Amino acid sequence: MSRSVKPKTLSGAEARAAQGAATRAALLGVAHELFGKSGYQETSLDEIVSRARVTKGALYHHFRGKDDLFAAVYEQVQKEVSDKVVAEFLRPDPWEALQVGCELWIESHLDPMVQRIAMRDARAVLGWEAVREVEARYGAVPLRGVLRRAIRKGLIEPVPLRPLGLMVMGALTEACFYVGDSDDRDVAFGEVRDLVARLLAGLAVNRGSGDDFETAPVEGSSVSE
């Protein structure tokens, strides 16, 4: 006869921590939806706490105010996009990984909720410096990783990685704005996809007509940050 296993009883501190985590998650989930659909200005804290079924005191326990809550939602949005893109950056072929990941970064920012939170309201609410720091952490840093792989494979000329990652990410950000503002997003996305491919090709090591990208690393080269 099998013995039943009693569920673990949480201590008072563990129960409070679990409740706090659930409250924070509920606030972020509701705020994400409302900020994404209605925008920052049209979303009130009263509506957020009502939809999350918590008190304003609970909200202020986790966030300093509306700006702080929005900042957390914005970072969450960028992390979600980054996680999807990083999965592509990890493809075995670094050149394919670079191209597909860059396309996905643009495509992911065309989601209406991502557009409103990350491309529109974030710069007005948080300021360019805060947005740039988050974009660098979730965009330029993982981009540097796949660029480093491509350089070590001899696919891209050895160049300083930190400015390269920031400059490529800047181009991708402008591409997101261009497509998002376009009357015909399908046409605009096709335009920027081709241009991104041309920009990346401009970084590639010169090849003969019969060569592919699986070449040896450049002799004596170093990859600097």
C-alpha atoms as a PDB file:
ATOM      1  CA  MET A   1       0.000   0.000   0.000  1.00  0.00           C
ATOM      2  CA  SER A   2       1.507   3.310  -1.060  1.00  0.00           C
ATOM      3  CA  ARG A   3       1.950   6.020   1.507  1.00  0.00           C
ATOM      4  CA  SER A   4       0.419   9.394   0.738  1.00  0.00           C
ATOM      5  CA  VAL A   5       2.803  12.331   0.635  1.00  0.00           C
ATOM      6  CA  LYS A   6       1.652  15.324   2.598  1.00  0.00           C
ATOM      7  CA  PRO A   7       1.996  18.657   0.779  1.00  0.00           C
ATOM      8  CA  LYS A   8       4.718  20.859   2.162  1.00  0.00           C
ATOM      9  CA  THR A   9       3.423  23.533   4.494  1.00  0.00           C
ATOM     10  CA  LEU A  10       4.850  26.959   3.794  1.00  0.00           C
ATOM     11  CA  SER A  11       6.245  28.966   6.655  1.00  0.00           C
ATOM     12  CA  GLY A  12       4.820  32.386   7.347  1.00  0.00           C
ATOM     13  CA  ALA A  13       7.714  34.104   5.541  1.00  0.00           C
ATOM     14  CA  GLU A  14       7.429  31.765   2.530  1.00  0.00           C
ATOM     15  CA  ALA A  15       3.677  32.306   2.308  1.00  0.00           C
ATOM     16  CA  ARG A  16       4.099  36.085   2.401  1.00  0.00           C
ATOM     17  CA  ALA A  17       6.803  35.926  -0.265  1.00  0.00           C
ATOM     18  CA  ALA A  18       4.599  33.768  -2.498  1.00  0.00           C
ATOM     19  CA  GLN A  19       1.652  36.129  -2.019  1.00  0.00           C
ATOM     20  CA  GLY A  20       3.863  39.117  -2.787  1.00  0.00           C
ATOM     21  CA  ALA A  21       5.158  37.494  -5.968  1.00  0.00           C
ATOM     22  CA  ALA A  22       1.607  36.672  -7.059  1.00  0.00           C
ATOM     23  CA  THR A  23       0.476  40.253  -6.394  1.00  0.00           C
ATOM     24  CA  ARG A  24       3.383  41.699  -8.369  1.00  0.00           C
ATOM     25  CA  ALA A  25       2.750  39.310 -11.258  1.00  0.00           C
ATOM     26  CA  ALA A  26      -0.946  40.259 -11.307  1.00  0.00           C
ATOM     27  CA  LEU A  27      -0.111  43.968 -11.389  1.00  0.00           C
ATOM     28  CA  LEU A  28       2.411  43.498 -14.196  1.00  0.00           C
ATOM     29  CA  GLY A  29       0.006  41.371 -16.217  1.00  0.00           C
ATOM     30  CA  VAL A  30      -2.860  43.843 -15.983  1.00  0.00           C
ATOM     31  CA  ALA A  31      -0.596  46.856 -16.534  1.00  0.00           C
ATOM     32  CA  HIS A  32       0.957  45.196 -19.580  1.00  0.00           C
ATOM     33  CA  GLU A  33      -2.474  44.695 -21.121  1.00  0.00           C
ATOM     34  CA  LEU A  34      -3.778  48.183 -20.318  1.00  0.00           C
ATOM     35  CA  PHE A  35      -0.598  50.058 -21.257  1.00  0.00           C
ATOM     36  CA  GLY A  36      -0.446  48.056 -24.486  1.00  0.00           C
ATOM     37  CA  LYS A  37      -4.066  48.665 -25.480  1.00  0.00           C
ATOM     38  CA  SER A  38      -4.834  52.128 -24.098  1.00  0.00           C
ATOM     39  CA  GLY A  39      -1.400  53.700 -23.693  1.00  0.00           C
ATOM     40  CA  TYR A  40       0.307  55.189 -20.674  1.00  0.00           C
ATOM     41  CA  GLN A  41      -1.667  58.432 -20.481  1.00  0.00           C
ATOM     42  CA  GLU A  42      -5.077  56.780 -20.756  1.00  0.00           C
ATOM     43  CA  THR A  43      -4.344  54.132 -18.133  1.00  0.00           C
ATOM     44  CA  SER A  44      -4.982  54.971 -14.475  1.00  0.00           C
ATOM     45  CA  LEU A  45      -3.674  53.285 -11.355  1.00  0.00           C
ATOM     46  CA  ASP A  46      -7.244  52.944 -10.143  1.00  0.00           C
ATOM     47  CA  GLU A  47      -8.086  50.858 -13.208  1.00  0.00           C
ATOM     48  CA  ILE A  48      -4.955  48.735 -12.789  1.00  0.00           C
ATOM     49  CA  VAL A  49      -5.561  47.874  -9.129  1.00  0.00           C
ATOM     50  CA  SER A  50      -9.253  47.244  -9.788  1.00  0.00           C
ATOM     51  CA  ARG A  51      -8.515  44.822 -12.618  1.00  0.00           C
ATOM     52  CA  ALA A  52      -5.714  43.149 -10.628  1.00  0.00           C
ATOM     53  CA  ARG A  53      -8.016  42.904  -7.568  1.00  0.00           C
ATOM     54  CA  VAL A  54      -5.483  44.390  -5.192  1.00  0.00           C
ATOM     55  CA  THR A  55      -5.342  47.550  -3.126  1.00  0.00           C
ATOM     56  CA  LYS A  56      -3.395  50.678  -3.996  1.00  0.00           C
ATOM     57  CA  GLY A  57      -1.327  50.024  -0.903  1.00  0.00           C
ATOM     58  CA  ALA A  58      -0.303  46.678  -2.396  1.00  0.00           C
ATOM     59  CA  LEU A  59       0.708  48.429  -5.604  1.00  0.00           C
ATOM     60  CA  TYR A  60       2.826  50.976  -3.755  1.00  0.00           C
ATOM     61  CA  HIS A  61       4.456  48.148  -1.828  1.00  0.00           C
ATOM     62  CA  HIS A  62       5.917  46.856  -5.097  1.00  0.00           C
ATOM     63  CA  PHE A  63       6.210  50.019  -7.215  1.00  0.00           C
ATOM     64  CA  ARG A  64       6.907  53.667  -6.434  1.00  0.00           C
ATOM     65  CA  GLY A  65       4.136  54.808  -8.744  1.00  0.00           C
ATOM     66  CA  LYS A  66       2.797  54.685 -12.281  1.00  0.00           C
ATOM     67  CA  ASP A  67       6.160  55.512 -13.905  1.00  0.00           C
ATOM     68  CA  ASP A  68       7.904  52.764 -11.956  1.00  0.00           C
ATOM     69  CA  LEU A  69       5.218  50.234 -12.877  1.00  0.00           C
ATOM     70  CA  PHE A  70       5.472  51.239 -16.529  1.00  0.00           C
ATOM     71  CA  ALA A  71       9.270  50.880 -16.407  1.00  0.00           C
ATOM     72  CA  ALA A  72       8.880  47.309 -15.122  1.00  0.00           C
ATOM     73  CA  VAL A  73       6.358  46.501 -17.856  1.00  0.00           C
ATOM     74  CA  TYR A  74       8.632  48.002 -20.517  1.00  0.00           C
ATOM     75  CA  GLU A  75      11.592  45.932 -19.339  1.00  0.00           C
ATOM     76  CA  GLN A  76       9.419  42.821 -19.269  1.00  0.00           C
ATOM     77  CA  VAL A  77       8.333  43.478 -22.871  1.00  0.00           C
ATOM     78  CA  GLN A  78      11.904  43.922 -24.040  1.00  0.00           C
ATOM     79  CA  LYS A  79      13.001  40.783 -22.206  1.00  0.00           C
ATOM     80  CA  GLU A  80      10.248  38.743 -23.866  1.00  0.00           C
ATOM     81  CA  VAL A  81      11.301  39.997 -27.312  1.00  0.00           C
ATOM     82  CA  SER A  82      14.963  39.409 -26.478  1.00  0.00           C
ATOM     83  CA  ASP A  83      14.319  35.829 -25.331  1.00  0.00           C
ATOM     84  CA  LYS A  84      12.713  34.991 -28.693  1.00  0.00           C
ATOM     85  CA  VAL A  85      15.512  36.651 -30.658  1.00  0.00           C
ATOM     86  CA  VAL A  86      18.279  35.053 -28.594  1.00  0.00           C
ATOM     87  CA  ALA A  87      16.828  31.637 -29.432  1.00  0.00           C
ATOM     88  CA  GLU A  88      17.496  32.474 -33.092  1.00  0.00           C
ATOM     89  CA  PHE A  89      20.935  33.942 -32.346  1.00  0.00           C
ATOM     90  CA  LEU A  90      21.906  30.502 -30.984  1.00  0.00           C
ATOM     91  CA  ARG A  91      21.416  28.726 -34.323  1.00  0.00           C
ATOM     92  CA  PRO A  92      24.486  26.648 -35.256  1.00  0.00           C
ATOM     93  CA  ASP A  93      25.287  28.793 -38.308  1.00  0.00           C
ATOM     94  CA  PRO A  94      26.208  32.256 -36.920  1.00  0.00           C
ATOM     95  CA  TRP A  95      25.557  34.028 -40.225  1.00  0.00           C
ATOM     96  CA  GLU A  96      22.063  32.573 -40.524  1.00  0.00           C
ATOM     97  CA  ALA A  97      21.539  33.250 -36.802  1.00  0.00           C
ATOM     98  CA  LEU A  98      22.500  36.900 -37.275  1.00  0.00           C
ATOM     99  CA  GLN A  99      20.191  37.450 -40.246  1.00  0.00           C
ATOM    100  CA  VAL A 100      17.174  35.615 -38.833  1.00  0.00           C
ATOM    101  CA  GLY A 101      17.584  37.176 -35.371  1.00  0.00           C
ATOM    102  CA  CYS A 102      17.772  40.711 -36.750  1.00  0.00           C
ATOM    103  CA  GLU A 103      14.643  40.147 -38.853  1.00  0.00           C
ATOM    104  CA  LEU A 104      12.809  38.747 -35.826  1.00  0.00           C
ATOM    105  CA  TRP A 105      13.804  41.761 -33.697  1.00  0.00           C
ATOM    106  CA  ILE A 106      12.069  44.062 -36.192  1.00  0.00           C
ATOM    107  CA  GLU A 107       9.084  41.770 -36.663  1.00  0.00           C
ATOM    108  CA  SER A 108       8.543  41.394 -32.899  1.00  0.00           C
ATOM    109  CA  HIS A 109       8.421  45.175 -32.473  1.00  0.00           C
ATOM    110  CA  LEU A 110       5.543  45.410 -34.960  1.00  0.00           C
ATOM    111  CA  ASP A 111       3.134  43.787 -32.506  1.00  0.00           C
ATOM    112  CA  PRO A 112       0.684  46.618 -31.638  1.00  0.00           C
ATOM    113  CA  MET A 113       1.191  46.276 -27.873  1.00  0.00           C
ATOM    114  CA  VAL A 114       4.974  46.149 -28.200  1.00  0.00           C
ATOM    115  CA  GLN A 115       4.809  49.153 -30.542  1.00  0.00           C
ATOM    116  CA  ARG A 116       2.820  51.242 -28.079  1.00  0.00           C
ATOM    117  CA  ILE A 117       4.807  50.314 -24.974  1.00  0.00           C
ATOM    118  CA  ALA A 118       8.357  49.935 -26.297  1.00  0.00           C
ATOM    119  CA  MET A 119       8.440  52.214 -29.343  1.00  0.00           C
ATOM    120  CA  ARG A 120       6.041  55.017 -28.413  1.00  0.00           C
ATOM    121  CA  ASP A 121       5.388  55.553 -24.726  1.00  0.00           C
ATOM    122  CA  ALA A 122       8.707  54.364 -23.303  1.00  0.00           C
ATOM    123  CA  ARG A 123      10.726  57.259 -24.702  1.00  0.00           C
ATOM    124  CA  ALA A 124       8.200  59.849 -23.543  1.00  0.00           C
ATOM    125  CA  VAL A 125       7.666  58.356 -20.072  1.00  0.00           C
ATOM    126  CA  LEU A 126      11.120  57.057 -19.158  1.00  0.00           C
ATOM    127  CA  GLY A 127      13.414  59.246 -21.258  1.00  0.00           C
ATOM    128  CA  TRP A 128      15.954  58.305 -23.894  1.00  0.00           C
ATOM    129  CA  GLU A 129      18.741  57.372 -21.461  1.00  0.00           C
ATOM    130  CA  ALA A 130      16.642  54.792 -19.604  1.00  0.00           C
ATOM    131  CA  VAL A 131      15.304  53.334 -22.859  1.00  0.00           C
ATOM    132  CA  ARG A 132      18.782  53.172 -24.365  1.00  0.00           C
ATOM    133  CA  GLU A 133      20.089  51.284 -21.322  1.00  0.00           C
ATOM    134  CA  VAL A 134      17.319  48.664 -21.557  1.00  0.00           C
ATOM    135  CA  GLU A 135      17.668  48.336 -25.341  1.00  0.00           C
ATOM    136  CA  ALA A 136      21.409  47.837 -24.946  1.00  0.00           C
ATOM    137  CA  ARG A 137      20.954  45.174 -22.254  1.00  0.00           C
ATOM    138  CA  TYR A 138      18.314  43.158 -24.093  1.00  0.00           C
ATOM    139  CA  GLY A 139      19.267  44.016 -27.681  1.00  0.00           C
ATOM    140  CA  ALA A 140      22.846  45.147 -28.248  1.00  0.00           C
ATOM    141  CA  VAL A 141      24.423  42.758 -25.713  1.00  0.00           C
ATOM    142  CA  PRO A 142      22.945  39.528 -27.167  1.00  0.00           C
ATOM    143  CA  LEU A 143      23.588  40.932 -30.656  1.00  0.00           C
ATOM    144  CA  ARG A 144      27.258  41.249 -29.717  1.00  0.00           C
ATOM    145  CA  GLY A 145      27.257  37.560 -28.871  1.00  0.00           C
ATOM    146  CA  VAL A 146      26.223  36.431 -32.336  1.00  0.00           C
ATOM    147  CA  LEU A 147      28.504  39.010 -33.977  1.00  0.00           C
ATOM    148  CA  ARG A 148      31.394  37.631 -31.903  1.00  0.00           C
ATOM    149  CA  ARG A 149      30.615  34.122 -33.148  1.00  0.00           C
ATOM    150  CA  ALA A 150      30.571  35.352 -36.741  1.00  0.00           C
ATOM    151  CA  ILE A 151      33.926  37.097 -36.301  1.00  0.00           C
ATOM    152  CA  ARG A 152      35.518  34.039 -34.731  1.00  0.00           C
ATOM    153  CA  LYS A 153      34.252  31.949 -37.638  1.00  0.00           C
ATOM    154  CA  GLY A 154      35.970  34.344 -40.032  1.00  0.00           C
ATOM    155  CA  LEU A 155      32.649  35.487 -41.520  1.00  0.00           C
ATOM    156  CA  ILE A 156      32.955  39.135 -40.445  1.00  0.00           C
ATOM    157  CA  GLU A 157      36.029  41.332 -40.419  1.00  0.00           C
ATOM    158  CA  PRO A 158      37.483  41.709 -36.885  1.00  0.00           C
ATOM    159  CA  VAL A 159      36.188  45.036 -35.547  1.00  0.00           C
ATOM    160  CA  PRO A 160      35.425  46.466 -32.068  1.00  0.00           C
ATOM    161  CA  LEU A 161      32.298  44.633 -30.944  1.00  0.00           C
ATOM    162  CA  ARG A 162      30.761  47.107 -28.520  1.00  0.00           C
ATOM    163  CA  PRO A 163      30.275  49.984 -30.987  1.00  0.00           C
ATOM    164  CA  LEU A 164      29.338  47.517 -33.722  1.00  0.00           C
ATOM    165  CA  GLY A 165      26.556  46.022 -31.599  1.00  0.00           C
ATOM    166  CA  LEU A 166      25.226  49.450 -30.669  1.00  0.00           C
ATOM    167  CA  MET A 167      25.316  50.696 -34.264  1.00  0.00           C
ATOM    168  CA  VAL A 168      23.549  47.640 -35.672  1.00  0.00           C
ATOM    169  CA  MET A 169      20.941  47.864 -32.895  1.00  0.00           C
ATOM    170  CA  GLY A 170      20.429  51.545 -33.722  1.00  0.00           C
ATOM    171  CA  ALA A 171      19.738  50.604 -37.340  1.00  0.00           C
ATOM    172  CA  LEU A 172      17.265  47.924 -36.233  1.00  0.00           C
ATOM    173  CA  THR A 173      15.477  50.402 -33.954  1.00  0.00           C
ATOM    174  CA  GLU A 174      15.054  52.890 -36.804  1.00  0.00           C
ATOM    175  CA  ALA A 175      13.814  50.059 -39.001  1.00  0.00           C
ATOM    176  CA  CYS A 176      11.155  49.279 -36.378  1.00  0.00           C
ATOM    177  CA  PHE A 177      10.005  52.908 -36.418  1.00  0.00           C
ATOM    178  CA  TYR A 178       9.997  53.026 -40.216  1.00  0.00           C
ATOM    179  CA  VAL A 179       7.847  49.928 -40.619  1.00  0.00           C
ATOM    180  CA  GLY A 180       5.580  50.879 -37.711  1.00  0.00           C
ATOM    181  CA  ASP A 181       4.871  54.297 -39.239  1.00  0.00           C
ATOM    182  CA  SER A 182       4.318  52.952 -42.746  1.00  0.00           C
ATOM    183  CA  ASP A 183       0.880  52.820 -44.405  1.00  0.00           C
ATOM    184  CA  ASP A 184       1.821  49.462 -45.927  1.00  0.00           C
ATOM    185  CA  ARG A 185       3.767  47.489 -43.356  1.00  0.00           C
ATOM    186  CA  ASP A 186       4.258  44.467 -45.597  1.00  0.00           C
ATOM    187  CA  VAL A 187       6.031  46.551 -48.228  1.00  0.00           C
ATOM    188  CA  ALA A 188       8.008  48.480 -45.604  1.00  0.00           C
ATOM    189  CA  PHE A 189       9.094  45.283 -43.846  1.00  0.00           C
ATOM    190  CA  GLY A 190      10.291  43.858 -47.157  1.00  0.00           C
ATOM    191  CA  GLU A 191      12.308  47.023 -47.748  1.00  0.00           C
ATOM    192  CA  VAL A 192      14.042  47.000 -44.379  1.00  0.00           C
ATOM    193  CA  ARG A 193      14.621  43.244 -44.484  1.00  0.00           C
ATOM    194  CA  ASP A 194      16.539  43.658 -47.741  1.00  0.00           C
ATOM    195  CA  LEU A 195      18.439  46.653 -46.391  1.00  0.00           C
ATOM    196  CA  VAL A 196      19.409  44.835 -43.186  1.00  0.00           C
ATOM    197  CA  ALA A 197      20.750  41.976 -45.317  1.00  0.00           C
ATOM    198  CA  ARG A 198      22.803  44.503 -47.328  1.00  0.00           C
ATOM    199  CA  LEU A 199      24.140  46.164 -44.170  1.00  0.00           C
ATOM    200  CA  LEU A 200      25.194  42.835 -42.701  1.00  0.00           C
ATOM    201  CA  ALA A 201      26.737  41.772 -46.013  1.00  0.00           C
ATOM    202  CA  GLY A 202      28.852  44.917 -45.846  1.00  0.00           C
ATOM    203  CA  LEU A 203      30.486  43.540 -42.694  1.00  0.00           C
ATOM    204  CA  ALA A 204      31.334  40.214 -44.280  1.00  0.00           C
ATOM    205  CA  VAL A 205      34.832  39.103 -45.154  1.00  0.00           C
ATOM    206  CA  ASN A 206      35.474  39.395 -48.900  1.00  0.00           C
ATOM    207  CA  ARG A 207      34.926  36.044 -50.554  1.00  0.00           C
ATOM    208  CA  GLY A 208      35.592  34.452 -53.872  1.00  0.00           C
ATOM    209  CA  SER A 209      32.594  33.553 -56.022  1.00  0.00           C
ATOM    210  CA  GLY A 210      32.728  29.900 -55.001  1.00  0.00           C
ATOM    211  CA  ASP A 211      33.387  30.429 -51.289  1.00  0.00           C
ATOM    212  CA  ASP A 212      30.854  30.048 -48.522  1.00  0.00           C
ATOM    213  CA  PHE A 213      30.872  31.517 -45.025  1.00  0.00           C
ATOM    214  CA  GLU A 214      32.476  28.496 -43.372  1.00  0.00           C
ATOM    215  CA  THR A 215      35.988  29.921 -43.611  1.00  0.00           C
ATOM    216  CA  ALA A 216      38.770  29.809 -41.048  1.00  0.00           C
ATOM    217  CA  PRO A 217      39.211  32.690 -38.575  1.00  0.00           C
ATOM    218  CA  VAL A 218      41.482  35.494 -39.726  1.00  0.00           C
ATOM    219  CA  GLU A 219      45.079  34.732 -38.713  1.00  0.00           C
ATOM    220  CA  GLY A 220      46.254  36.771 -35.739  1.00  0.00           C
ATOM    221  CA  SER A 221      42.943  38.637 -35.354  1.00  0.00           C
ATOM    222  CA  SER A 222      41.438  39.491 -31.989  1.00  0.00           C
ATOM    223  CA  VAL A 223      37.864  40.256 -31.084  1.00  0.00           C
ATOM    224  CA  SER A 224      37.692  43.295 -28.812  1.00  0.00           C
ATOM    225  CA  GLU A 225      34.692  44.416 -26.842  1.00  0.00           C
END
